[in-house]
PDB file of N, CA and C in Angstrom:
ATOM      1  N   MET A   1       0.832  -1.181   0.000  1.00  0.00           N
ATOM      2  CA  MET A   1       0.000   0.000   0.000  1.00  0.00           C
ATOM      3  C   MET A   1       0.878   1.246   0.000  1.00  0.00           C
ATOM      4  N   GLY A   2       0.545   2.183  -0.839  1.00  0.00           N
ATOM      5  CA  GLY A   2       1.289   3.430  -0.884  1.00  0.00           C
ATOM      6  C   GLY A   2       0.756   4.403   0.147  1.00  0.00           C
ATOM      7  N   THR A   3       1.636   5.239   0.622  1.00  0.00           N
ATOM      8  CA  THR A   3       1.192   6.254   1.566  1.00  0.00           C
ATOM      9  C   THR A   3       0.997   7.557   0.809  1.00  0.00           C
ATOM     10  N   THR A   4      -0.064   8.231   1.124  1.00  0.00           N
ATOM     11  CA  THR A   4      -0.297   9.525   0.502  1.00  0.00           C
ATOM     12  C   THR A   4      -0.053  10.599   1.544  1.00  0.00           C
ATOM     13  N   GLU A   5       0.608  11.648   1.120  1.00  0.00           N
ATOM     14  CA  GLU A   5       0.894  12.743   2.037  1.00  0.00           C
ATOM     15  C   GLU A   5      -0.319  13.650   2.113  1.00  0.00           C
ATOM     16  N   LYS A   6      -0.662  14.022   3.312  1.00  0.00           N
ATOM     17  CA  LYS A   6      -1.778  14.922   3.524  1.00  0.00           C
ATOM     18  C   LYS A   6      -1.281  16.353   3.393  1.00  0.00           C
ATOM     19  N   ALA A   7      -2.028  17.167   2.683  1.00  0.00           N
ATOM     20  CA  ALA A   7      -1.651  18.569   2.505  1.00  0.00           C
ATOM     21  C   ALA A   7      -1.700  19.285   3.842  1.00  0.00           C
ATOM     22  N   VAL A   8      -0.780  20.209   4.024  1.00  0.00           N
ATOM     23  CA  VAL A   8      -0.728  21.021   5.228  1.00  0.00           C
ATOM     24  C   VAL A   8      -1.199  22.420   4.869  1.00  0.00           C
ATOM     25  N   ARG A   9      -2.206  22.877   5.567  1.00  0.00           N
ATOM     26  CA  ARG A   9      -2.752  24.198   5.285  1.00  0.00           C
ATOM     27  C   ARG A   9      -1.854  25.264   5.911  1.00  0.00           C
ATOM     28  N   GLN A  10      -1.507  26.267   5.118  1.00  0.00           N
ATOM     29  CA  GLN A  10      -0.689  27.382   5.574  1.00  0.00           C
ATOM     30  C   GLN A  10      -1.425  28.674   5.256  1.00  0.00           C
ATOM     31  N   SER A  11      -1.233  29.659   6.066  1.00  0.00           N
ATOM     32  CA  SER A  11      -1.825  30.972   5.823  1.00  0.00           C
ATOM     33  C   SER A  11      -0.699  31.938   5.498  1.00  0.00           C
ATOM     34  N   VAL A  12      -0.860  32.665   4.398  1.00  0.00           N
ATOM     35  CA  VAL A  12       0.174  33.587   3.966  1.00  0.00           C
ATOM     36  C   VAL A  12      -0.485  34.911   3.612  1.00  0.00           C
ATOM     37  N   SER A  13       0.095  35.997   4.058  1.00  0.00           N
ATOM     38  CA  SER A  13      -0.393  37.324   3.679  1.00  0.00           C
ATOM     39  C   SER A  13       0.501  37.859   2.570  1.00  0.00           C
ATOM     40  N   LEU A  14      -0.124  38.290   1.485  1.00  0.00           N
ATOM     41  CA  LEU A  14       0.626  38.821   0.350  1.00  0.00           C
ATOM     42  C   LEU A  14       0.375  40.320   0.230  1.00  0.00           C
ATOM     43  N   PRO A  15       1.396  41.066  -0.135  1.00  0.00           N
ATOM     44  CA  PRO A  15       1.169  42.477  -0.427  1.00  0.00           C
ATOM     45  C   PRO A  15       0.180  42.596  -1.594  1.00  0.00           C
ATOM     46  N   PRO A  16      -0.621  43.653  -1.615  1.00  0.00           N
ATOM     47  CA  PRO A  16      -1.649  43.781  -2.662  1.00  0.00           C
ATOM     48  C   PRO A  16      -1.124  43.634  -4.097  1.00  0.00           C
ATOM     49  N   LYS A  17       0.012  44.238  -4.387  1.00  0.00           N
ATOM     50  CA  LYS A  17       0.563  44.155  -5.746  1.00  0.00           C
ATOM     51  C   LYS A  17       0.892  42.709  -6.113  1.00  0.00           C
ATOM     52  N   LEU A  18       1.493  41.984  -5.185  1.00  0.00           N
ATOM     53  CA  LEU A  18       1.843  40.590  -5.430  1.00  0.00           C
ATOM     54  C   LEU A  18       0.588  39.731  -5.567  1.00  0.00           C
ATOM     55  N   ALA A  19      -0.413  40.004  -4.757  1.00  0.00           N
ATOM     56  CA  ALA A  19      -1.673  39.265  -4.835  1.00  0.00           C
ATOM     57  C   ALA A  19      -2.332  39.458  -6.199  1.00  0.00           C
ATOM     58  N   ARG A  20      -2.276  40.680  -6.729  1.00  0.00           N
ATOM     59  CA  ARG A  20      -2.835  40.942  -8.077  1.00  0.00           C
ATOM     60  C   ARG A  20      -2.066  40.157  -9.133  1.00  0.00           C
ATOM     61  N   GLN A  21      -0.739  40.130  -9.006  1.00  0.00           N
ATOM     62  CA  GLN A  21       0.070  39.388  -9.970  1.00  0.00           C
ATOM     63  C   GLN A  21      -0.257  37.904  -9.924  1.00  0.00           C
ATOM     64  N   VAL A  22      -0.427  37.360  -8.732  1.00  0.00           N
ATOM     65  CA  VAL A  22      -0.775  35.942  -8.586  1.00  0.00           C
ATOM     66  C   VAL A  22      -2.131  35.678  -9.217  1.00  0.00           C
ATOM     67  N   ARG A  23      -3.108  36.521  -8.920  1.00  0.00           N
ATOM     68  CA  ARG A  23      -4.455  36.347  -9.477  1.00  0.00           C
ATOM     69  C   ARG A  23      -4.436  36.404 -11.006  1.00  0.00           C
ATOM     70  N   THR A  24      -3.721  37.390 -11.554  1.00  0.00           N
ATOM     71  CA  THR A  24      -3.642  37.546 -13.007  1.00  0.00           C
ATOM     72  C   THR A  24      -2.958  36.351 -13.660  1.00  0.00           C
ATOM     73  N   LEU A  25      -1.849  35.920 -13.094  1.00  0.00           N
ATOM     74  CA  LEU A  25      -1.119  34.788 -13.660  1.00  0.00           C
ATOM     75  C   LEU A  25      -1.936  33.499 -13.547  1.00  0.00           C
ATOM     76  N   ALA A  26      -2.609  33.313 -12.431  1.00  0.00           N
ATOM     77  CA  ALA A  26      -3.444  32.121 -12.253  1.00  0.00           C
ATOM     78  C   ALA A  26      -4.553  32.093 -13.309  1.00  0.00           C
ATOM     79  N   ARG A  27      -5.185  33.232 -13.525  1.00  0.00           N
ATOM     80  CA  ARG A  27      -6.239  33.291 -14.552  1.00  0.00           C
ATOM     81  C   ARG A  27      -5.685  32.974 -15.935  1.00  0.00           C
ATOM     82  N   SER A  28      -4.549  33.570 -16.259  1.00  0.00           N
ATOM     83  CA  SER A  28      -3.992  33.374 -17.607  1.00  0.00           C
ATOM     84  C   SER A  28      -3.557  31.927 -17.833  1.00  0.00           C
ATOM     85  N   ARG A  29      -3.161  31.246 -16.775  1.00  0.00           N
ATOM     86  CA  ARG A  29      -2.741  29.846 -16.898  1.00  0.00           C
ATOM     87  C   ARG A  29      -3.865  28.872 -16.572  1.00  0.00           C
ATOM     88  N   ARG A  30      -5.048  29.432 -16.253  1.00  0.00           N
ATOM     89  CA  ARG A  30      -6.230  28.631 -15.919  1.00  0.00           C
ATOM     90  C   ARG A  30      -5.953  27.671 -14.761  1.00  0.00           C
ATOM     91  N   LEU A  31      -5.353  28.244 -13.707  1.00  0.00           N
ATOM     92  CA  LEU A  31      -5.060  27.495 -12.493  1.00  0.00           C
ATOM     93  C   LEU A  31      -5.732  28.200 -11.324  1.00  0.00           C
ATOM     94  N   SER A  32      -5.907  27.472 -10.242  1.00  0.00           N
ATOM     95  CA  SER A  32      -6.352  28.136  -9.021  1.00  0.00           C
ATOM     96  C   SER A  32      -5.170  28.919  -8.465  1.00  0.00           C
ATOM     97  N   LYS A  33      -5.471  29.933  -7.690  1.00  0.00           N
ATOM     98  CA  LYS A  33      -4.390  30.696  -7.064  1.00  0.00           C
ATOM     99  C   LYS A  33      -3.555  29.789  -6.161  1.00  0.00           C
ATOM    100  N   ASN A  34      -4.215  28.869  -5.481  1.00  0.00           N
ATOM    101  CA  ASN A  34      -3.500  27.938  -4.611  1.00  0.00           C
ATOM    102  C   ASN A  34      -2.506  27.097  -5.418  1.00  0.00           C
ATOM    103  N   ARG A  35      -2.963  26.525  -6.528  1.00  0.00           N
ATOM    104  CA  ARG A  35      -2.087  25.677  -7.355  1.00  0.00           C
ATOM    105  C   ARG A  35      -0.924  26.489  -7.903  1.00  0.00           C
ATOM    106  N   LEU A  36      -1.191  27.718  -8.319  1.00  0.00           N
ATOM    107  CA  LEU A  36      -0.127  28.568  -8.836  1.00  0.00           C
ATOM    108  C   LEU A  36       0.904  28.857  -7.742  1.00  0.00           C
ATOM    109  N   LEU A  37       0.434  29.172  -6.539  1.00  0.00           N
ATOM    110  CA  LEU A  37       1.366  29.433  -5.440  1.00  0.00           C
ATOM    111  C   LEU A  37       2.215  28.209  -5.132  1.00  0.00           C
ATOM    112  N   VAL A  38       1.612  27.028  -5.168  1.00  0.00           N
ATOM    113  CA  VAL A  38       2.372  25.798  -4.939  1.00  0.00           C
ATOM    114  C   VAL A  38       3.457  25.649  -6.003  1.00  0.00           C
ATOM    115  N   GLU A  39       3.106  25.872  -7.265  1.00  0.00           N
ATOM    116  CA  GLU A  39       4.098  25.764  -8.351  1.00  0.00           C
ATOM    117  C   GLU A  39       5.211  26.787  -8.183  1.00  0.00           C
ATOM    118  N   LEU A  40       4.846  28.022  -7.843  1.00  0.00           N
ATOM    119  CA  LEU A  40       5.865  29.056  -7.670  1.00  0.00           C
ATOM    120  C   LEU A  40       6.804  28.720  -6.515  1.00  0.00           C
ATOM    121  N   ILE A  41       6.255  28.207  -5.431  1.00  0.00           N
ATOM    122  CA  ILE A  41       7.097  27.825  -4.290  1.00  0.00           C
ATOM    123  C   ILE A  41       8.000  26.656  -4.664  1.00  0.00           C
ATOM    124  N   GLU A  42       7.454  25.651  -5.356  1.00  0.00           N
ATOM    125  CA  GLU A  42       8.277  24.513  -5.785  1.00  0.00           C
ATOM    126  C   GLU A  42       9.404  24.976  -6.690  1.00  0.00           C
ATOM    127  N   ASN A  43       9.090  25.860  -7.648  1.00  0.00           N
ATOM    128  CA  ASN A  43      10.119  26.375  -8.560  1.00  0.00           C
ATOM    129  C   ASN A  43      11.179  27.162  -7.798  1.00  0.00           C
ATOM    130  N   GLY A  44      10.738  27.964  -6.824  1.00  0.00           N
ATOM    131  CA  GLY A  44      11.683  28.738  -6.020  1.00  0.00           C
ATOM    132  C   GLY A  44      12.591  27.851  -5.192  1.00  0.00           C
ATOM    133  N   LEU A  45      12.026  26.795  -4.617  1.00  0.00           N
ATOM    134  CA  LEU A  45      12.846  25.865  -3.842  1.00  0.00           C
ATOM    135  C   LEU A  45      13.842  25.129  -4.725  1.00  0.00           C
ATOM    136  N   ASP A  46      13.397  24.716  -5.914  1.00  0.00           N
ATOM    137  CA  ASP A  46      14.317  24.064  -6.860  1.00  0.00           C
ATOM    138  C   ASP A  46      15.458  24.998  -7.237  1.00  0.00           C
ATOM    139  N   ALA A  47      15.123  26.255  -7.521  1.00  0.00           N
ATOM    140  CA  ALA A  47      16.142  27.229  -7.891  1.00  0.00           C
ATOM    141  C   ALA A  47      17.126  27.448  -6.746  1.00  0.00           C
ATOM    142  N   GLU A  48      16.620  27.506  -5.527  1.00  0.00           N
ATOM    143  CA  GLU A  48      17.490  27.702  -4.363  1.00  0.00           C
ATOM    144  C   GLU A  48      18.428  26.510  -4.181  1.00  0.00           C
ATOM    145  N   MET A  49      17.916  25.303  -4.386  1.00  0.00           N
ATOM    146  CA  MET A  49      18.755  24.107  -4.266  1.00  0.00           C
ATOM    147  C   MET A  49      19.840  24.086  -5.351  1.00  0.00           C
ATOM    148  N   ARG A  50      19.484  24.482  -6.574  1.00  0.00           N
ATOM    149  CA  ARG A  50      20.492  24.552  -7.652  1.00  0.00           C
ATOM    150  C   ARG A  50      21.559  25.589  -7.329  1.00  0.00           C
ATOM    151  N   LYS A  51      21.126  26.734  -6.806  1.00  0.00           N
ATOM    152  CA  LYS A  51      22.053  27.796  -6.441  1.00  0.00           C
ATOM    153  C   LYS A  51      23.015  27.314  -5.352  1.00  0.00           C
ATOM    154  N   GLN A  52      22.484  26.598  -4.378  1.00  0.00           N
ATOM    155  CA  GLN A  52      23.311  26.066  -3.301  1.00  0.00           C
ATOM    156  C   GLN A  52      24.313  25.042  -3.840  1.00  0.00           C
ATOM    157  N   ALA A  53      23.858  24.168  -4.739  1.00  0.00           N
ATOM    158  CA  ALA A  53      24.752  23.164  -5.323  1.00  0.00           C
ATOM    159  C   ALA A  53      25.864  23.843  -6.131  1.00  0.00           C
ATOM    160  N   GLN A  54      25.509  24.890  -6.883  1.00  0.00           N
ATOM    161  CA  GLN A  54      26.516  25.628  -7.650  1.00  0.00           C
ATOM    162  C   GLN A  54      27.550  26.258  -6.723  1.00  0.00           C
ATOM    163  N   PHE A  55      27.079  26.802  -5.599  1.00  0.00           N
ATOM    164  CA  PHE A  55      27.984  27.420  -4.645  1.00  0.00           C
ATOM    165  C   PHE A  55      28.981  26.396  -4.102  1.00  0.00           C
ATOM    166  N   PHE A  56      28.495  25.234  -3.677  1.00  0.00           N
ATOM    167  CA  PHE A  56      29.385  24.227  -3.116  1.00  0.00           C
ATOM    168  C   PHE A  56      30.352  23.679  -4.163  1.00  0.00           C
ATOM    169  N   GLU A  57      29.889  23.547  -5.398  1.00  0.00           N
ATOM    170  CA  GLU A  57      30.776  23.090  -6.478  1.00  0.00           C
ATOM    171  C   GLU A  57      31.877  24.124  -6.719  1.00  0.00           C
ATOM    172  N   LEU A  58      31.491  25.401  -6.739  1.00  0.00           N
ATOM    173  CA  LEU A  58      32.466  26.473  -6.939  1.00  0.00           C
ATOM    174  C   LEU A  58      33.437  26.550  -5.761  1.00  0.00           C
ATOM    175  N   ALA A  59      32.931  26.381  -4.551  1.00  0.00           N
ATOM    176  CA  ALA A  59      33.801  26.406  -3.369  1.00  0.00           C
ATOM    177  C   ALA A  59      34.810  25.255  -3.419  1.00  0.00           C
ATOM    178  N   GLU A  60      34.372  24.094  -3.852  1.00  0.00           N
ATOM    179  CA  GLU A  60      35.275  22.951  -3.973  1.00  0.00           C
ATOM    180  C   GLU A  60      36.345  23.208  -5.032  1.00  0.00           C
ATOM    181  N   ARG A  61      35.939  23.784  -6.157  1.00  0.00           N
ATOM    182  CA  ARG A  61      36.927  24.136  -7.194  1.00  0.00           C
ATOM    183  C   ARG A  61      37.926  25.148  -6.649  1.00  0.00           C
ATOM    184  N   PHE A  62      37.442  26.123  -5.895  1.00  0.00           N
ATOM    185  CA  PHE A  62      38.311  27.146  -5.305  1.00  0.00           C
ATOM    186  C   PHE A  62      39.328  26.512  -4.355  1.00  0.00           C
ATOM    187  N   ARG A  63      38.845  25.602  -3.490  1.00  0.00           N
ATOM    188  CA  ARG A  63      39.743  24.952  -2.518  1.00  0.00           C
ATOM    189  C   ARG A  63      40.814  24.096  -3.193  1.00  0.00           C
ATOM    190  N   SER A  64      40.462  23.476  -4.313  1.00  0.00           N
ATOM    191  CA  SER A  64      41.411  22.556  -4.943  1.00  0.00           C
ATOM    192  C   SER A  64      42.249  23.216  -6.036  1.00  0.00           C
ATOM    193  N   GLU A  65      42.021  24.483  -6.313  1.00  0.00           N
ATOM    194  CA  GLU A  65      42.747  25.170  -7.400  1.00  0.00           C
ATOM    195  C   GLU A  65      44.189  25.443  -6.988  1.00  0.00           C
ATOM    196  N   LYS A  66      45.121  25.119  -7.893  1.00  0.00           N
ATOM    197  CA  LYS A  66      46.553  25.326  -7.639  1.00  0.00           C
ATOM    198  C   LYS A  66      47.052  26.640  -8.244  1.00  0.00           C
ATOM    199  N   ASP A  67      46.462  27.057  -9.352  1.00  0.00           N
ATOM    200  CA  ASP A  67      46.889  28.276 -10.036  1.00  0.00           C
ATOM    201  C   ASP A  67      46.383  29.503  -9.264  1.00  0.00           C
ATOM    202  N   PRO A  68      47.295  30.360  -8.781  1.00  0.00           N
ATOM    203  CA  PRO A  68      46.873  31.523  -7.975  1.00  0.00           C
ATOM    204  C   PRO A  68      45.913  32.469  -8.713  1.00  0.00           C
ATOM    205  N   GLU A  69      46.139  32.678  -9.995  1.00  0.00           N
ATOM    206  CA  GLU A  69      45.258  33.577 -10.757  1.00  0.00           C
ATOM    207  C   GLU A  69      43.852  32.996 -10.871  1.00  0.00           C
ATOM    208  N   GLU A  70      43.764  31.708 -11.146  1.00  0.00           N
ATOM    209  CA  GLU A  70      42.453  31.056 -11.246  1.00  0.00           C
ATOM    210  C   GLU A  70      41.778  31.006  -9.874  1.00  0.00           C
ATOM    211  N   ALA A  71      42.576  30.793  -8.825  1.00  0.00           N
ATOM    212  CA  ALA A  71      42.024  30.783  -7.469  1.00  0.00           C
ATOM    213  C   ALA A  71      41.452  32.155  -7.115  1.00  0.00           C
ATOM    214  N   LYS A  72      42.142  33.217  -7.528  1.00  0.00           N
ATOM    215  CA  LYS A  72      41.635  34.573  -7.277  1.00  0.00           C
ATOM    216  C   LYS A  72      40.331  34.800  -8.026  1.00  0.00           C
ATOM    217  N   ARG A  73      40.270  34.359  -9.282  1.00  0.00           N
ATOM    218  CA  ARG A  73      39.053  34.525 -10.074  1.00  0.00           C
ATOM    219  C   ARG A  73      37.892  33.765  -9.432  1.00  0.00           C
ATOM    220  N   LEU A  74      38.159  32.530  -9.014  1.00  0.00           N
ATOM    221  CA  LEU A  74      37.122  31.735  -8.370  1.00  0.00           C
ATOM    222  C   LEU A  74      36.703  32.357  -7.031  1.00  0.00           C
ATOM    223  N   GLY A  75      37.664  32.903  -6.290  1.00  0.00           N
ATOM    224  CA  GLY A  75      37.351  33.583  -5.033  1.00  0.00           C
ATOM    225  C   GLY A  75      36.476  34.805  -5.260  1.00  0.00           C
ATOM    226  N   ASP A  76      36.789  35.555  -6.314  1.00  0.00           N
ATOM    227  CA  ASP A  76      35.957  36.714  -6.659  1.00  0.00           C
ATOM    228  C   ASP A  76      34.550  36.285  -7.026  1.00  0.00           C
ATOM    229  N   GLU A  77      34.437  35.190  -7.761  1.00  0.00           N
ATOM    230  CA  GLU A  77      33.130  34.678  -8.144  1.00  0.00           C
ATOM    231  C   GLU A  77      32.339  34.219  -6.919  1.00  0.00           C
ATOM    232  N   LEU A  78      33.040  33.566  -5.990  1.00  0.00           N
ATOM    233  CA  LEU A  78      32.388  33.179  -4.725  1.00  0.00           C
ATOM    234  C   LEU A  78      31.885  34.397  -3.962  1.00  0.00           C
ATOM    235  N   GLY A  79      32.712  35.418  -3.933  1.00  0.00           N
ATOM    236  CA  GLY A  79      32.333  36.662  -3.248  1.00  0.00           C
ATOM    237  C   GLY A  79      31.091  37.276  -3.861  1.00  0.00           C
ATOM    238  N   ARG A  80      31.006  37.271  -5.182  1.00  0.00           N
ATOM    239  CA  ARG A  80      29.819  37.807  -5.845  1.00  0.00           C
ATOM    240  C   ARG A  80      28.576  36.990  -5.512  1.00  0.00           C
ATOM    241  N   MET A  81      28.750  35.654  -5.411  1.00  0.00           N
ATOM    242  CA  MET A  81      27.614  34.805  -5.067  1.00  0.00           C
ATOM    243  C   MET A  81      27.117  35.089  -3.651  1.00  0.00           C
ATOM    244  N   VAL A  82      28.059  35.332  -2.738  1.00  0.00           N
ATOM    245  CA  VAL A  82      27.700  35.535  -1.341  1.00  0.00           C
ATOM    246  C   VAL A  82      27.205  36.954  -1.085  1.00  0.00           C
ATOM    247  N   PHE A  83      27.926  37.932  -1.614  1.00  0.00           N
ATOM    248  CA  PHE A  83      27.632  39.314  -1.274  1.00  0.00           C
ATOM    249  C   PHE A  83      26.962  40.108  -2.392  1.00  0.00           C
ATOM    250  N   GLY A  84      26.777  39.469  -3.560  1.00  0.00           N
ATOM    251  CA  GLY A  84      26.171  40.171  -4.689  1.00  0.00           C
ATOM    252  C   GLY A  84      27.184  41.080  -5.374  1.00  0.00           C
ATOM    253  N   GLY A  85      26.737  41.688  -6.448  1.00  0.00           N
ATOM    254  CA  GLY A  85      27.615  42.637  -7.113  1.00  0.00           C
ATOM    255  C   GLY A  85      28.114  42.222  -8.428  1.00  0.00           C
TER     256      GLY A  85
END
């Protein structure tokens, strides 16, 4: 027998402008606002996980780099990822 996960109800307050964007996008895609929010959150979490994986891969390359110039470039890239810019 498979187990099914029960949905967990969450309450979220959205700024009016964001709420309008969600409503408009949901209508244009013929989805409920709830389904659209779930998709947007899933996409955001996926993007965050990819970003984290890229960071750790870059950090590993930085740690193992022997060439000082390449290490500096990788360090600068890490800095941009962490602090922006």
